[in-house]
PDB file of N, CA and C in Angstrom:
ATOM      1  N   MET A   1       0.847  -1.167   0.000  1.00  0.00           N
ATOM      2  CA  MET A   1       0.000   0.000   0.000  1.00  0.00           C
ATOM      3  C   MET A   1       0.898   1.237   0.000  1.00  0.00           C
ATOM      4  N   GLN A   2       0.453   2.259  -0.664  1.00  0.00           N
ATOM      5  CA  GLN A   2       1.229   3.488  -0.729  1.00  0.00           C
ATOM      6  C   GLN A   2       0.445   4.632  -0.109  1.00  0.00           C
ATOM      7  N   VAL A   3       1.185   5.574   0.454  1.00  0.00           N
ATOM      8  CA  VAL A   3       0.600   6.762   1.059  1.00  0.00           C
ATOM      9  C   VAL A   3       1.413   7.963   0.603  1.00  0.00           C
ATOM     10  N   LEU A   4       0.740   9.029   0.238  1.00  0.00           N
ATOM     11  CA  LEU A   4       1.411  10.263  -0.149  1.00  0.00           C
ATOM     12  C   LEU A   4       1.485  11.168   1.074  1.00  0.00           C
ATOM     13  N   VAL A   5       2.683  11.639   1.380  1.00  0.00           N
ATOM     14  CA  VAL A   5       2.883  12.511   2.541  1.00  0.00           C
ATOM     15  C   VAL A   5       3.575  13.782   2.074  1.00  0.00           C
ATOM     16  N   ARG A   6       3.045  14.913   2.451  1.00  0.00           N
ATOM     17  CA  ARG A   6       3.680  16.191   2.116  1.00  0.00           C
ATOM     18  C   ARG A   6       4.513  16.644   3.312  1.00  0.00           C
ATOM     19  N   LEU A   7       5.765  16.990   3.026  1.00  0.00           N
ATOM     20  CA  LEU A   7       6.686  17.446   4.063  1.00  0.00           C
ATOM     21  C   LEU A   7       7.179  18.840   3.729  1.00  0.00           C
ATOM     22  N   SER A   8       7.507  19.587   4.758  1.00  0.00           N
ATOM     23  CA  SER A   8       8.133  20.889   4.528  1.00  0.00           C
ATOM     24  C   SER A   8       9.522  20.647   3.942  1.00  0.00           C
ATOM     25  N   ASP A   9      10.076  21.664   3.307  1.00  0.00           N
ATOM     26  CA  ASP A   9      11.426  21.536   2.744  1.00  0.00           C
ATOM     27  C   ASP A   9      12.433  21.159   3.820  1.00  0.00           C
ATOM     28  N   GLU A  10      12.280  21.757   4.997  1.00  0.00           N
ATOM     29  CA  GLU A  10      13.207  21.488   6.095  1.00  0.00           C
ATOM     30  C   GLU A  10      13.106  20.035   6.566  1.00  0.00           C
ATOM     31  N   MET A  11      11.878  19.552   6.703  1.00  0.00           N
ATOM     32  CA  MET A  11      11.691  18.182   7.164  1.00  0.00           C
ATOM     33  C   MET A  11      12.215  17.187   6.127  1.00  0.00           C
ATOM     34  N   TYR A  12      11.980  17.478   4.850  1.00  0.00           N
ATOM     35  CA  TYR A  12      12.478  16.595   3.795  1.00  0.00           C
ATOM     36  C   TYR A  12      14.003  16.565   3.803  1.00  0.00           C
ATOM     37  N   ALA A  13      14.625  17.722   3.996  1.00  0.00           N
ATOM     38  CA  ALA A  13      16.091  17.784   4.044  1.00  0.00           C
ATOM     39  C   ALA A  13      16.623  16.947   5.206  1.00  0.00           C
ATOM     40  N   GLU A  14      15.963  17.015   6.361  1.00  0.00           N
ATOM     41  CA  GLU A  14      16.370  16.213   7.518  1.00  0.00           C
ATOM     42  C   GLU A  14      16.192  14.720   7.236  1.00  0.00           C
ATOM     43  N   LEU A  15      15.096  14.378   6.596  1.00  0.00           N
ATOM     44  CA  LEU A  15      14.829  12.983   6.242  1.00  0.00           C
ATOM     45  C   LEU A  15      15.892  12.464   5.274  1.00  0.00           C
ATOM     46  N   GLU A  16      16.221  13.260   4.281  1.00  0.00           N
ATOM     47  CA  GLU A  16      17.233  12.879   3.301  1.00  0.00           C
ATOM     48  C   GLU A  16      18.607  12.712   3.964  1.00  0.00           C
ATOM     49  N   LYS A  17      18.939  13.634   4.849  1.00  0.00           N
ATOM     50  CA  LYS A  17      20.213  13.582   5.578  1.00  0.00           C
ATOM     51  C   LYS A  17      20.291  12.316   6.436  1.00  0.00           C
ATOM     52  N   LEU A  18      19.233  12.031   7.167  1.00  0.00           N
ATOM     53  CA  LEU A  18      19.185  10.846   8.022  1.00  0.00           C
ATOM     54  C   LEU A  18      19.276   9.567   7.193  1.00  0.00           C
ATOM     55  N   SER A  19      18.626   9.573   6.049  1.00  0.00           N
ATOM     56  CA  SER A  19      18.658   8.422   5.151  1.00  0.00           C
ATOM     57  C   SER A  19      20.089   8.112   4.709  1.00  0.00           C
ATOM     58  N   LYS A  20      20.827   9.140   4.377  1.00  0.00           N
ATOM     59  CA  LYS A  20      22.220   8.950   3.947  1.00  0.00           C
ATOM     60  C   LYS A  20      23.098   8.483   5.104  1.00  0.00           C
ATOM     61  N   ILE A  21      22.900   9.066   6.269  1.00  0.00           N
ATOM     62  CA  ILE A  21      23.702   8.699   7.444  1.00  0.00           C
ATOM     63  C   ILE A  21      23.464   7.242   7.836  1.00  0.00           C
ATOM     64  N   LEU A  22      22.201   6.825   7.855  1.00  0.00           N
ATOM     65  CA  LEU A  22      21.849   5.471   8.285  1.00  0.00           C
ATOM     66  C   LEU A  22      21.979   4.435   7.173  1.00  0.00           C
ATOM     67  N   GLY A  23      22.008   4.902   5.943  1.00  0.00           N
ATOM     68  CA  GLY A  23      22.111   3.980   4.818  1.00  0.00           C
ATOM     69  C   GLY A  23      20.835   3.197   4.557  1.00  0.00           C
ATOM     70  N   VAL A  24      19.705   3.811   4.870  1.00  0.00           N
ATOM     71  CA  VAL A  24      18.406   3.189   4.601  1.00  0.00           C
ATOM     72  C   VAL A  24      17.549   4.167   3.801  1.00  0.00           C
ATOM     73  N   SER A  25      16.518   3.639   3.186  1.00  0.00           N
ATOM     74  CA  SER A  25      15.661   4.490   2.357  1.00  0.00           C
ATOM     75  C   SER A  25      14.834   5.449   3.217  1.00  0.00           C
ATOM     76  N   LYS A  26      14.406   6.519   2.583  1.00  0.00           N
ATOM     77  CA  LYS A  26      13.533   7.472   3.266  1.00  0.00           C
ATOM     78  C   LYS A  26      12.215   6.794   3.646  1.00  0.00           C
ATOM     79  N   ALA A  27      11.741   5.912   2.780  1.00  0.00           N
ATOM     80  CA  ALA A  27      10.497   5.185   3.064  1.00  0.00           C
ATOM     81  C   ALA A  27      10.644   4.324   4.313  1.00  0.00           C
ATOM     82  N   GLU A  28      11.800   3.681   4.470  1.00  0.00           N
ATOM     83  CA  GLU A  28      12.023   2.836   5.655  1.00  0.00           C
ATOM     84  C   GLU A  28      12.037   3.684   6.926  1.00  0.00           C
ATOM     85  N   ILE A  29      12.652   4.845   6.865  1.00  0.00           N
ATOM     86  CA  ILE A  29      12.663   5.747   8.024  1.00  0.00           C
ATOM     87  C   ILE A  29      11.233   6.157   8.375  1.00  0.00           C
ATOM     88  N   MET A  30      10.425   6.460   7.372  1.00  0.00           N
ATOM     89  CA  MET A  30       9.035   6.845   7.612  1.00  0.00           C
ATOM     90  C   MET A  30       8.246   5.682   8.221  1.00  0.00           C
ATOM     91  N   ARG A  31       8.487   4.461   7.737  1.00  0.00           N
ATOM     92  CA  ARG A  31       7.792   3.286   8.297  1.00  0.00           C
ATOM     93  C   ARG A  31       8.153   3.091   9.767  1.00  0.00           C
ATOM     94  N   ILE A  32       9.436   3.199  10.075  1.00  0.00           N
ATOM     95  CA  ILE A  32       9.894   3.025  11.459  1.00  0.00           C
ATOM     96  C   ILE A  32       9.287   4.098  12.355  1.00  0.00           C
ATOM     97  N   ALA A  33       9.325   5.342  11.888  1.00  0.00           N
ATOM     98  CA  ALA A  33       8.794   6.457  12.680  1.00  0.00           C
ATOM     99  C   ALA A  33       7.298   6.284  12.938  1.00  0.00           C
ATOM    100  N   LEU A  34       6.552   5.881  11.921  1.00  0.00           N
ATOM    101  CA  LEU A  34       5.115   5.695  12.086  1.00  0.00           C
ATOM    102  C   LEU A  34       4.809   4.536  13.029  1.00  0.00           C
ATOM    103  N   LYS A  35       5.569   3.466  12.903  1.00  0.00           N
ATOM    104  CA  LYS A  35       5.379   2.312  13.786  1.00  0.00           C
ATOM    105  C   LYS A  35       5.616   2.709  15.246  1.00  0.00           C
ATOM    106  N   GLU A  36       6.674   3.468  15.498  1.00  0.00           N
ATOM    107  CA  GLU A  36       6.969   3.927  16.862  1.00  0.00           C
ATOM    108  C   GLU A  36       5.896   4.885  17.368  1.00  0.00           C
ATOM    109  N   TYR A  37       5.411   5.773  16.509  1.00  0.00           N
ATOM    110  CA  TYR A  37       4.375   6.726  16.886  1.00  0.00           C
ATOM    111  C   TYR A  37       3.093   5.996  17.293  1.00  0.00           C
ATOM    112  N   ILE A  38       2.691   5.019  16.482  1.00  0.00           N
ATOM    113  CA  ILE A  38       1.475   4.257  16.780  1.00  0.00           C
ATOM    114  C   ILE A  38       1.624   3.494  18.092  1.00  0.00           C
ATOM    115  N   ALA A  39       2.769   2.865  18.302  1.00  0.00           N
ATOM    116  CA  ALA A  39       2.999   2.120  19.548  1.00  0.00           C
ATOM    117  C   ALA A  39       2.916   3.053  20.754  1.00  0.00           C
ATOM    118  N   LYS A  40       3.490   4.234  20.634  1.00  0.00           N
ATOM    119  CA  LYS A  40       3.468   5.208  21.728  1.00  0.00           C
ATOM    120  C   LYS A  40       2.033   5.657  22.022  1.00  0.00           C
ATOM    121  N   LYS A  41       1.260   5.919  20.982  1.00  0.00           N
ATOM    122  CA  LYS A  41      -0.127   6.356  21.165  1.00  0.00           C
ATOM    123  C   LYS A  41      -0.978   5.253  21.794  1.00  0.00           C
ATOM    124  N   ARG A  42      -0.746   4.010  21.384  1.00  0.00           N
ATOM    125  CA  ARG A  42      -1.505   2.893  21.964  1.00  0.00           C
ATOM    126  C   ARG A  42      -1.256   2.790  23.461  1.00  0.00           C
ATOM    127  N   LYS A  43      -0.003   2.916  23.861  1.00  0.00           N
ATOM    128  CA  LYS A  43       0.322   2.842  25.289  1.00  0.00           C
ATOM    129  C   LYS A  43      -0.338   3.981  26.047  1.00  0.00           C
ATOM    130  N   SER A  44      -0.335   5.159  25.463  1.00  0.00           N
ATOM    131  CA  SER A  44      -0.926   6.325  26.104  1.00  0.00           C
ATOM    132  C   SER A  44      -2.432   6.136  26.298  1.00  0.00           C
ATOM    133  N   VAL A  45      -3.109   5.652  25.270  1.00  0.00           N
ATOM    134  CA  VAL A  45      -4.554   5.422  25.348  1.00  0.00           C
ATOM    135  C   VAL A  45      -4.855   4.357  26.388  1.00  0.00           C
ATOM    136  N   THR A  46      -4.068   3.295  26.395  1.00  0.00           N
ATOM    137  CA  THR A  46      -4.278   2.211  27.352  1.00  0.00           C
ATOM    138  C   THR A  46      -4.133   2.723  28.780  1.00  0.00           C
ATOM    139  N   ARG A  47      -3.138   3.543  29.028  1.00  0.00           N
ATOM    140  CA  ARG A  47      -2.942   4.094  30.383  1.00  0.00           C
ATOM    141  C   ARG A  47      -4.124   4.950  30.808  1.00  0.00           C
ATOM    142  N   ARG A  48      -4.617   5.784  29.882  1.00  0.00           N
ATOM    143  CA  ARG A  48      -5.755   6.638  30.223  1.00  0.00           C
ATOM    144  C   ARG A  48      -7.006   5.805  30.491  1.00  0.00           C
ATOM    145  N   MET A  49      -7.208   4.770  29.685  1.00  0.00           N
ATOM    146  CA  MET A  49      -8.370   3.905  29.892  1.00  0.00           C
ATOM    147  C   MET A  49      -8.238   3.134  31.194  1.00  0.00           C
ATOM    148  N   ARG A  50      -7.011   2.771  31.540  1.00  0.00           N
ATOM    149  CA  ARG A  50      -6.753   1.999  32.757  1.00  0.00           C
ATOM    150  C   ARG A  50      -7.244   2.752  33.990  1.00  0.00           C
ATOM    151  N   ALA A  51      -7.155   4.059  33.956  1.00  0.00           N
ATOM    152  CA  ALA A  51      -7.593   4.870  35.088  1.00  0.00           C
ATOM    153  C   ALA A  51      -9.113   4.840  35.245  1.00  0.00           C
ATOM    154  N   ILE A  52      -9.813   4.509  34.172  1.00  0.00           N
ATOM    155  CA  ILE A  52     -11.272   4.505  34.190  1.00  0.00           C
ATOM    156  C   ILE A  52     -11.840   3.126  34.507  1.00  0.00           C
ATOM    157  N   VAL A  53     -11.202   2.095  33.977  1.00  0.00           N
ATOM    158  CA  VAL A  53     -11.713   0.725  34.075  1.00  0.00           C
ATOM    159  C   VAL A  53     -11.157   0.034  35.314  1.00  0.00           C
ATOM    160  N   LYS A  54     -11.930  -0.877  35.871  1.00  0.00           N
ATOM    161  CA  LYS A  54     -11.489  -1.629  37.046  1.00  0.00           C
ATOM    162  C   LYS A  54     -10.203  -2.388  36.753  1.00  0.00           C
ATOM    163  N   PRO A  55      -9.323  -2.513  37.729  1.00  0.00           N
ATOM    164  CA  PRO A  55      -8.043  -3.192  37.541  1.00  0.00           C
ATOM    165  C   PRO A  55      -8.137  -4.686  37.246  1.00  0.00           C
ATOM    166  N   LYS A  56      -9.332  -5.256  37.217  1.00  0.00           N
ATOM    167  CA  LYS A  56      -9.465  -6.693  36.965  1.00  0.00           C
ATOM    168  C   LYS A  56      -9.196  -7.051  35.503  1.00  0.00           C
ATOM    169  N   ILE A  57      -9.230  -6.075  34.615  1.00  0.00           N
ATOM    170  CA  ILE A  57      -8.974  -6.320  33.195  1.00  0.00           C
ATOM    171  C   ILE A  57      -7.484  -6.117  32.930  1.00  0.00           C
ATOM    172  N   SER A  58      -6.875  -7.078  32.246  1.00  0.00           N
ATOM    173  CA  SER A  58      -5.444  -6.956  31.944  1.00  0.00           C
ATOM    174  C   SER A  58      -5.222  -5.831  30.935  1.00  0.00           C
ATOM    175  N   LEU A  59      -4.015  -5.284  30.928  1.00  0.00           N
ATOM    176  CA  LEU A  59      -3.688  -4.225  29.980  1.00  0.00           C
ATOM    177  C   LEU A  59      -3.839  -4.704  28.539  1.00  0.00           C
ATOM    178  N   GLU A  60      -3.460  -5.953  28.285  1.00  0.00           N
ATOM    179  CA  GLU A  60      -3.571  -6.498  26.935  1.00  0.00           C
ATOM    180  C   GLU A  60      -5.031  -6.563  26.489  1.00  0.00           C
ATOM    181  N   LYS A  61      -5.894  -7.030  27.377  1.00  0.00           N
ATOM    182  CA  LYS A  61      -7.320  -7.132  27.066  1.00  0.00           C
ATOM    183  C   LYS A  61      -7.922  -5.746  26.876  1.00  0.00           C
ATOM    184  N   LEU A  62      -7.536  -4.812  27.708  1.00  0.00           N
ATOM    185  CA  LEU A  62      -8.027  -3.449  27.618  1.00  0.00           C
ATOM    186  C   LEU A  62      -7.636  -2.824  26.284  1.00  0.00           C
ATOM    187  N   GLU A  63      -6.392  -3.026  25.876  1.00  0.00           N
ATOM    188  CA  GLU A  63      -5.922  -2.497  24.601  1.00  0.00           C
ATOM    189  C   GLU A  63      -6.682  -3.144  23.443  1.00  0.00           C
ATOM    190  N   GLU A  64      -6.904  -4.449  23.531  1.00  0.00           N
ATOM    191  CA  GLU A  64      -7.648  -5.168  22.490  1.00  0.00           C
ATOM    192  C   GLU A  64      -9.064  -4.614  22.367  1.00  0.00           C
ATOM    193  N   ILE A  65      -9.711  -4.402  23.491  1.00  0.00           N
ATOM    194  CA  ILE A  65     -11.071  -3.861  23.490  1.00  0.00           C
ATOM    195  C   ILE A  65     -11.091  -2.490  22.827  1.00  0.00           C
ATOM    196  N   TYR A  66     -10.139  -1.659  23.168  1.00  0.00           N
ATOM    197  CA  TYR A  66     -10.088  -0.312  22.596  1.00  0.00           C
ATOM    198  C   TYR A  66      -9.962  -0.370  21.078  1.00  0.00           C
ATOM    199  N   TRP A  67      -9.013  -1.155  20.573  1.00  0.00           N
ATOM    200  CA  TRP A  67      -8.743  -1.172  19.134  1.00  0.00           C
ATOM    201  C   TRP A  67      -9.830  -1.898  18.351  1.00  0.00           C
ATOM    202  N   VAL A  68     -10.524  -2.838  18.951  1.00  0.00           N
ATOM    203  CA  VAL A  68     -11.596  -3.549  18.251  1.00  0.00           C
ATOM    204  C   VAL A  68     -12.837  -2.670  18.138  1.00  0.00           C
ATOM    205  N   TYR A  69     -13.179  -1.971  19.205  1.00  0.00           N
ATOM    206  CA  TYR A  69     -14.417  -1.204  19.231  1.00  0.00           C
ATOM    207  C   TYR A  69     -14.237   0.267  18.914  1.00  0.00           C
ATOM    208  N   ARG A  70     -13.084   0.664  18.542  1.00  0.00           N
ATOM    209  CA  ARG A  70     -12.806   2.065  18.225  1.00  0.00           C
ATOM    210  C   ARG A  70     -13.461   2.467  16.980  1.00  0.00           C
TER     211      ARG A  70
END
């Protein structure tokens, strides 16, 4: 699947620079960054929900419920 992303000139320059330094494609850097962003957001949502729901539900189950019924 492909996604079109518009970046500022400055952000593109940083992405290009990082790509050369790491020796990986710009697309790979974007995939890694998005994967980390999503993981961080999931943890944040789970923590906030944890404060609302009784502690009898495991964090894994709580996260599953959130993503299934979202």
